[in-house]
Amino acid sequence: MPQPTTLPDVGELTGVPERGVESGCWLLDGYLLLGADETLLASGQPLRITGHVEHDVLTTCQQGTPFRVENAVPIQ
């Protein structure tokens, strides 16, 4: 998974999340999605996700830049 070239503190991601190598880990465009509904992430639908990069957070996912999800909705 490619790493993002810029790290916005607040932003929007769009696309279909992919499972990470560790259980319960979801990625989109090189960002590790934190705090989102896993059922929605696993739906296979394109999503519009808003949130912000979370600095200085440790995860067990070992991949992606942590991105705290504030809202995630399917793209129609």
Protein backbone atom coordinates (compact mmCIF):
# COMPACT_ATOMS: atom_id res chain seq x y z
CA MET A 1 0.00 0.00 0.00
CA PRO A 2 1.58 3.33 -0.99
CA GLN A 3 2.18 5.92 1.69
CA PRO A 4 0.52 9.32 1.23
CA THR A 5 2.77 12.04 -0.11
CA THR A 6 1.14 14.74 2.03
CA LEU A 7 -0.33 14.45 5.48
CA PRO A 8 -3.26 16.82 5.93
CA ASP A 9 -4.32 17.31 9.55
CA VAL A 10 -7.95 17.46 8.43
CA GLY A 11 -9.25 15.97 5.27
CA GLU A 12 -11.46 13.76 3.20
CA LEU A 13 -10.69 10.38 1.73
CA THR A 14 -12.75 8.59 -0.91
CA GLY A 15 -12.60 5.03 -2.13
CA VAL A 16 -13.09 1.43 -1.05
CA PRO A 17 -11.27 0.56 2.20
CA GLU A 18 -9.05 -2.53 2.17
CA ARG A 19 -8.24 -4.93 5.00
CA GLY A 20 -4.83 -4.51 6.56
CA VAL A 21 -2.51 -7.39 7.40
CA GLU A 22 -3.65 -7.39 11.04
CA SER A 23 -7.18 -8.27 12.16
CA GLY A 24 -9.49 -5.26 12.49
CA CYS A 25 -7.22 -2.93 10.53
CA TRP A 26 -8.63 -1.00 7.54
CA LEU A 27 -6.71 1.18 5.10
CA LEU A 28 -7.53 3.70 2.42
CA ASP A 29 -4.92 5.54 0.31
CA GLY A 30 -2.15 4.70 2.79
CA TYR A 31 -4.14 5.88 5.82
CA LEU A 32 -5.11 3.60 8.71
CA LEU A 33 -8.78 4.23 9.50
CA LEU A 34 -9.43 4.55 13.24
CA GLY A 35 -12.84 4.64 14.91
CA ALA A 36 -15.05 3.84 11.92
CA ASP A 37 -17.88 1.31 11.78
CA GLU A 38 -16.17 -1.91 10.66
CA THR A 39 -19.38 -3.18 9.03
CA LEU A 40 -19.41 -0.11 6.78
CA LEU A 41 -15.69 -0.44 6.00
CA ALA A 42 -16.17 -4.11 5.08
CA SER A 43 -19.19 -3.43 2.86
CA GLY A 44 -17.13 -3.18 -0.33
CA GLN A 45 -18.80 0.14 -1.16
CA PRO A 46 -16.96 3.32 -2.11
CA LEU A 47 -17.01 5.63 0.91
CA ARG A 48 -16.48 9.32 1.61
CA ILE A 49 -14.57 9.53 4.88
CA THR A 50 -13.81 12.74 6.74
CA GLY A 51 -11.48 13.07 9.69
CA HIS A 52 -7.95 14.02 10.62
CA VAL A 53 -4.47 12.57 10.95
CA GLU A 54 -3.85 11.50 14.52
CA HIS A 55 -0.26 12.17 15.53
CA ASP A 56 1.61 10.25 18.23
CA VAL A 57 -0.78 7.30 18.38
CA LEU A 58 0.40 3.69 18.59
CA THR A 59 -1.56 0.88 16.94
CA THR A 60 -1.12 -2.84 16.45
CA CYS A 61 -1.81 -2.50 12.73
CA GLN A 62 1.81 -1.74 11.79
CA GLN A 63 0.86 -0.03 8.53
CA GLY A 64 -0.64 3.23 7.34
CA THR A 65 -0.76 6.72 8.78
CA PRO A 66 -3.38 6.84 11.58
CA PHE A 67 -6.47 8.76 10.44
CA ARG A 68 -9.25 9.36 13.00
CA VAL A 69 -12.58 8.95 11.21
CA GLU A 70 -15.20 11.55 12.12
CA ASN A 71 -17.76 10.53 9.47
CA ALA A 72 -18.03 7.79 6.85
CA VAL A 73 -20.85 7.57 4.31
CA PRO A 74 -21.40 5.50 1.16
CA ILE A 75 -20.94 7.35 -2.13
CA GLN A 76 -24.05 7.04 -4.28
